[in-house]
Amino acid sequence: MSTTSPGGLQVPQPVASPCINICRMDEQTGLCLGCLRTIGEIAMWSRATADQRLQILLAIERRRVEHDPLGGAWGGELRGECER
């Protein structure tokens, strides 16, 4: 994921955080009720590489399908202003 700058350089695009500012951990699943990340994934997000972030996003999507197959509970929208 990158774009080309006016000078022709490849500039990597940041991977947006899945945080939606509903930060509560579910005791049964160990997942955040807002973004479906584990506490470990939340803790490492700010220092994770783009590839690691993409892997976390893939894991979130698998969890979303598993825990909310109709897609209603989370709305399916990721917001990028949170660094958690």
N, C-alpha and C. Protein backbone atom coordinates (compact mmCIF):
# COMPACT_ATOMS: atom_id res chain seq x y z
N MET A 1 0.83 -1.17 0.00
CA MET A 1 0.00 0.00 0.00
C MET A 1 0.88 1.23 0.00
N SER A 2 0.94 1.90 -1.15
CA SER A 2 1.70 3.13 -1.25
C SER A 2 1.14 3.97 -2.37
N THR A 3 1.52 5.23 -2.35
CA THR A 3 1.17 6.13 -3.43
C THR A 3 2.46 6.73 -3.95
N THR A 4 2.39 7.35 -5.10
CA THR A 4 3.57 7.98 -5.69
C THR A 4 3.51 9.48 -5.43
N SER A 5 4.60 10.01 -4.89
CA SER A 5 4.67 11.44 -4.62
C SER A 5 4.90 12.19 -5.93
N PRO A 6 4.71 13.52 -5.93
CA PRO A 6 4.95 14.29 -7.16
C PRO A 6 6.37 14.10 -7.71
N GLY A 7 7.34 13.79 -6.85
CA GLY A 7 8.71 13.55 -7.28
C GLY A 7 8.96 12.13 -7.75
N GLY A 8 7.92 11.29 -7.76
CA GLY A 8 8.05 9.92 -8.24
C GLY A 8 8.46 8.92 -7.17
N LEU A 9 8.55 9.35 -5.91
CA LEU A 9 8.92 8.43 -4.83
C LEU A 9 7.70 7.68 -4.34
N GLN A 10 7.89 6.42 -3.98
CA GLN A 10 6.81 5.62 -3.39
C GLN A 10 6.69 5.99 -1.92
N VAL A 11 5.51 6.42 -1.51
CA VAL A 11 5.25 6.82 -0.13
C VAL A 11 4.26 5.84 0.47
N PRO A 12 4.68 5.10 1.52
CA PRO A 12 3.77 4.12 2.12
C PRO A 12 2.57 4.81 2.77
N GLN A 13 1.41 4.18 2.64
CA GLN A 13 0.18 4.68 3.25
C GLN A 13 0.03 4.02 4.62
N PRO A 14 -0.29 4.80 5.63
CA PRO A 14 -0.49 4.20 6.96
C PRO A 14 -1.72 3.30 6.97
N VAL A 15 -1.68 2.28 7.81
CA VAL A 15 -2.81 1.38 7.97
C VAL A 15 -3.66 1.93 9.12
N ALA A 16 -4.89 2.27 8.83
CA ALA A 16 -5.78 2.89 9.81
C ALA A 16 -6.09 1.95 10.96
N SER A 17 -6.18 2.53 12.14
CA SER A 17 -6.54 1.76 13.33
C SER A 17 -8.00 1.34 13.24
N PRO A 18 -8.31 0.12 13.70
CA PRO A 18 -9.70 -0.32 13.74
C PRO A 18 -10.47 0.20 14.96
N CYS A 19 -9.80 0.96 15.82
CA CYS A 19 -10.44 1.46 17.04
C CYS A 19 -11.62 2.36 16.69
N ILE A 20 -12.76 2.11 17.34
CA ILE A 20 -13.94 2.96 17.16
C ILE A 20 -14.33 3.62 18.49
N ASN A 21 -13.38 3.70 19.41
CA ASN A 21 -13.54 4.35 20.71
C ASN A 21 -14.65 3.74 21.56
N ILE A 22 -14.81 2.44 21.44
CA ILE A 22 -15.66 1.66 22.35
C ILE A 22 -14.70 0.65 22.98
N CYS A 23 -13.94 1.11 23.93
CA CYS A 23 -12.82 0.33 24.46
C CYS A 23 -13.21 -0.41 25.74
N ARG A 24 -13.79 -1.59 25.55
CA ARG A 24 -14.16 -2.46 26.67
C ARG A 24 -13.84 -3.88 26.27
N MET A 25 -13.18 -4.59 27.16
CA MET A 25 -12.81 -5.98 26.87
C MET A 25 -13.92 -6.91 27.32
N ASP A 26 -14.26 -7.86 26.48
CA ASP A 26 -15.23 -8.89 26.79
C ASP A 26 -14.51 -9.98 27.58
N GLU A 27 -14.94 -10.23 28.79
CA GLU A 27 -14.26 -11.22 29.64
C GLU A 27 -14.34 -12.63 29.07
N GLN A 28 -15.41 -12.96 28.38
CA GLN A 28 -15.55 -14.32 27.84
C GLN A 28 -14.67 -14.56 26.62
N THR A 29 -14.63 -13.59 25.70
CA THR A 29 -13.87 -13.80 24.47
C THR A 29 -12.45 -13.26 24.53
N GLY A 30 -12.20 -12.30 25.44
CA GLY A 30 -10.90 -11.65 25.49
C GLY A 30 -10.70 -10.63 24.38
N LEU A 31 -11.81 -10.24 23.74
CA LEU A 31 -11.74 -9.29 22.63
C LEU A 31 -12.36 -7.96 23.03
N CYS A 32 -11.85 -6.88 22.45
CA CYS A 32 -12.45 -5.58 22.65
C CYS A 32 -13.82 -5.57 21.99
N LEU A 33 -14.82 -5.08 22.68
CA LEU A 33 -16.17 -5.03 22.15
C LEU A 33 -16.30 -4.05 20.99
N GLY A 34 -15.40 -3.09 20.90
CA GLY A 34 -15.46 -2.11 19.82
C GLY A 34 -14.75 -2.55 18.55
N CYS A 35 -13.51 -3.02 18.70
CA CYS A 35 -12.70 -3.29 17.50
C CYS A 35 -12.37 -4.76 17.29
N LEU A 36 -12.73 -5.60 18.23
CA LEU A 36 -12.49 -7.05 18.15
C LEU A 36 -11.02 -7.44 18.17
N ARG A 37 -10.16 -6.59 18.73
CA ARG A 37 -8.75 -6.96 18.90
C ARG A 37 -8.54 -7.54 20.30
N THR A 38 -7.50 -8.34 20.42
CA THR A 38 -7.07 -8.82 21.73
C THR A 38 -6.29 -7.71 22.41
N ILE A 39 -6.08 -7.83 23.70
CA ILE A 39 -5.30 -6.82 24.42
C ILE A 39 -3.87 -6.76 23.87
N GLY A 40 -3.33 -7.90 23.47
CA GLY A 40 -1.99 -7.91 22.89
C GLY A 40 -1.92 -7.16 21.57
N GLU A 41 -2.94 -7.32 20.74
CA GLU A 41 -2.99 -6.61 19.46
C GLU A 41 -3.14 -5.10 19.67
N ILE A 42 -3.94 -4.73 20.65
CA ILE A 42 -4.11 -3.31 20.97
C ILE A 42 -2.78 -2.73 21.45
N ALA A 43 -2.12 -3.45 22.33
CA ALA A 43 -0.86 -2.97 22.89
C ALA A 43 0.23 -2.80 21.84
N MET A 44 0.27 -3.69 20.85
CA MET A 44 1.36 -3.63 19.87
C MET A 44 1.05 -2.73 18.67
N TRP A 45 -0.18 -2.27 18.52
CA TRP A 45 -0.59 -1.55 17.31
C TRP A 45 0.32 -0.36 16.98
N SER A 46 0.63 0.46 17.96
CA SER A 46 1.40 1.69 17.68
C SER A 46 2.81 1.41 17.18
N ARG A 47 3.36 0.25 17.48
CA ARG A 47 4.71 -0.06 17.01
C ARG A 47 4.74 -1.18 15.96
N ALA A 48 3.57 -1.64 15.54
CA ALA A 48 3.48 -2.70 14.54
C ALA A 48 3.83 -2.17 13.15
N THR A 49 4.42 -3.03 12.35
CA THR A 49 4.69 -2.68 10.96
C THR A 49 3.38 -2.69 10.18
N ALA A 50 3.40 -2.15 8.98
CA ALA A 50 2.20 -2.15 8.15
C ALA A 50 1.74 -3.59 7.89
N ASP A 51 2.68 -4.50 7.64
CA ASP A 51 2.31 -5.91 7.42
C ASP A 51 1.66 -6.52 8.66
N GLN A 52 2.20 -6.22 9.83
CA GLN A 52 1.62 -6.73 11.06
C GLN A 52 0.21 -6.16 11.28
N ARG A 53 0.04 -4.88 10.98
CA ARG A 53 -1.27 -4.26 11.12
C ARG A 53 -2.28 -4.91 10.17
N LEU A 54 -1.85 -5.19 8.96
CA LEU A 54 -2.74 -5.84 8.00
C LEU A 54 -3.13 -7.24 8.47
N GLN A 55 -2.20 -7.95 9.09
CA GLN A 55 -2.51 -9.27 9.63
C GLN A 55 -3.53 -9.17 10.76
N ILE A 56 -3.40 -8.15 11.59
CA ILE A 56 -4.37 -7.93 12.67
C ILE A 56 -5.74 -7.63 12.07
N LEU A 57 -5.78 -6.79 11.03
CA LEU A 57 -7.06 -6.46 10.39
C LEU A 57 -7.71 -7.70 9.79
N LEU A 58 -6.91 -8.59 9.22
CA LEU A 58 -7.46 -9.84 8.69
C LEU A 58 -8.04 -10.70 9.81
N ALA A 59 -7.33 -10.76 10.94
CA ALA A 59 -7.83 -11.52 12.09
C ALA A 59 -9.14 -10.92 12.60
N ILE A 60 -9.23 -9.59 12.61
CA ILE A 60 -10.45 -8.92 13.05
C ILE A 60 -11.62 -9.29 12.12
N GLU A 61 -11.36 -9.29 10.83
CA GLU A 61 -12.43 -9.61 9.88
C GLU A 61 -12.91 -11.04 10.08
N ARG A 62 -11.99 -11.98 10.33
CA ARG A 62 -12.40 -13.36 10.61
C ARG A 62 -13.26 -13.41 11.87
N ARG A 63 -12.84 -12.66 12.90
CA ARG A 63 -13.62 -12.64 14.15
C ARG A 63 -14.99 -12.01 13.92
N ARG A 64 -15.03 -10.95 13.15
CA ARG A 64 -16.29 -10.27 12.87
C ARG A 64 -17.28 -11.24 12.22
N VAL A 65 -16.82 -12.00 11.26
CA VAL A 65 -17.68 -12.99 10.58
C VAL A 65 -18.12 -14.06 11.57
N GLU A 66 -17.20 -14.50 12.41
CA GLU A 66 -17.51 -15.56 13.38
C GLU A 66 -18.49 -15.09 14.46
N HIS A 67 -18.28 -13.88 14.98
CA HIS A 67 -19.08 -13.39 16.11
C HIS A 67 -20.31 -12.60 15.69
N ASP A 68 -20.33 -12.10 14.46
CA ASP A 68 -21.44 -11.27 13.99
C ASP A 68 -21.67 -11.52 12.51
N PRO A 69 -22.13 -12.72 12.16
CA PRO A 69 -22.24 -13.09 10.74
C PRO A 69 -23.16 -12.19 9.92
N LEU A 70 -24.09 -11.51 10.55
CA LEU A 70 -24.98 -10.62 9.80
C LEU A 70 -24.40 -9.21 9.64
N GLY A 71 -23.33 -8.92 10.38
CA GLY A 71 -22.65 -7.65 10.21
C GLY A 71 -23.32 -6.44 10.83
N GLY A 72 -24.22 -6.65 11.76
CA GLY A 72 -24.95 -5.52 12.32
C GLY A 72 -24.33 -4.89 13.54
N ALA A 73 -23.64 -5.66 14.35
CA ALA A 73 -23.19 -5.16 15.64
C ALA A 73 -22.08 -4.12 15.53
N TRP A 74 -21.20 -4.27 14.57
CA TRP A 74 -20.05 -3.37 14.49
C TRP A 74 -20.16 -2.37 13.36
N GLY A 75 -21.07 -2.52 12.47
CA GLY A 75 -21.27 -1.56 11.41
C GLY A 75 -20.31 -1.67 10.26
N GLY A 76 -19.23 -2.41 10.39
CA GLY A 76 -18.31 -2.64 9.29
C GLY A 76 -17.44 -1.47 8.91
N GLU A 77 -17.38 -0.42 9.72
CA GLU A 77 -16.59 0.75 9.35
C GLU A 77 -15.40 0.87 10.28
N LEU A 78 -14.20 1.03 9.70
CA LEU A 78 -12.98 1.23 10.49
C LEU A 78 -12.64 2.72 10.44
N ARG A 79 -12.27 3.26 11.61
CA ARG A 79 -11.87 4.65 11.66
C ARG A 79 -10.41 4.73 12.00
N GLY A 80 -9.71 5.71 11.49
CA GLY A 80 -8.26 5.76 11.63
C GLY A 80 -7.70 6.79 12.57
N GLU A 81 -8.51 7.52 13.33
CA GLU A 81 -7.93 8.60 14.14
C GLU A 81 -7.35 8.12 15.46
N CYS A 82 -7.60 6.92 15.85
CA CYS A 82 -7.12 6.39 17.12
C CYS A 82 -5.85 5.59 16.91
N GLU A 83 -4.85 5.76 17.76
CA GLU A 83 -3.59 5.03 17.61
C GLU A 83 -3.52 3.82 18.53
N ARG A 84 -4.60 3.49 19.24
CA ARG A 84 -4.58 2.35 20.14
C ARG A 84 -4.70 1.07 19.37
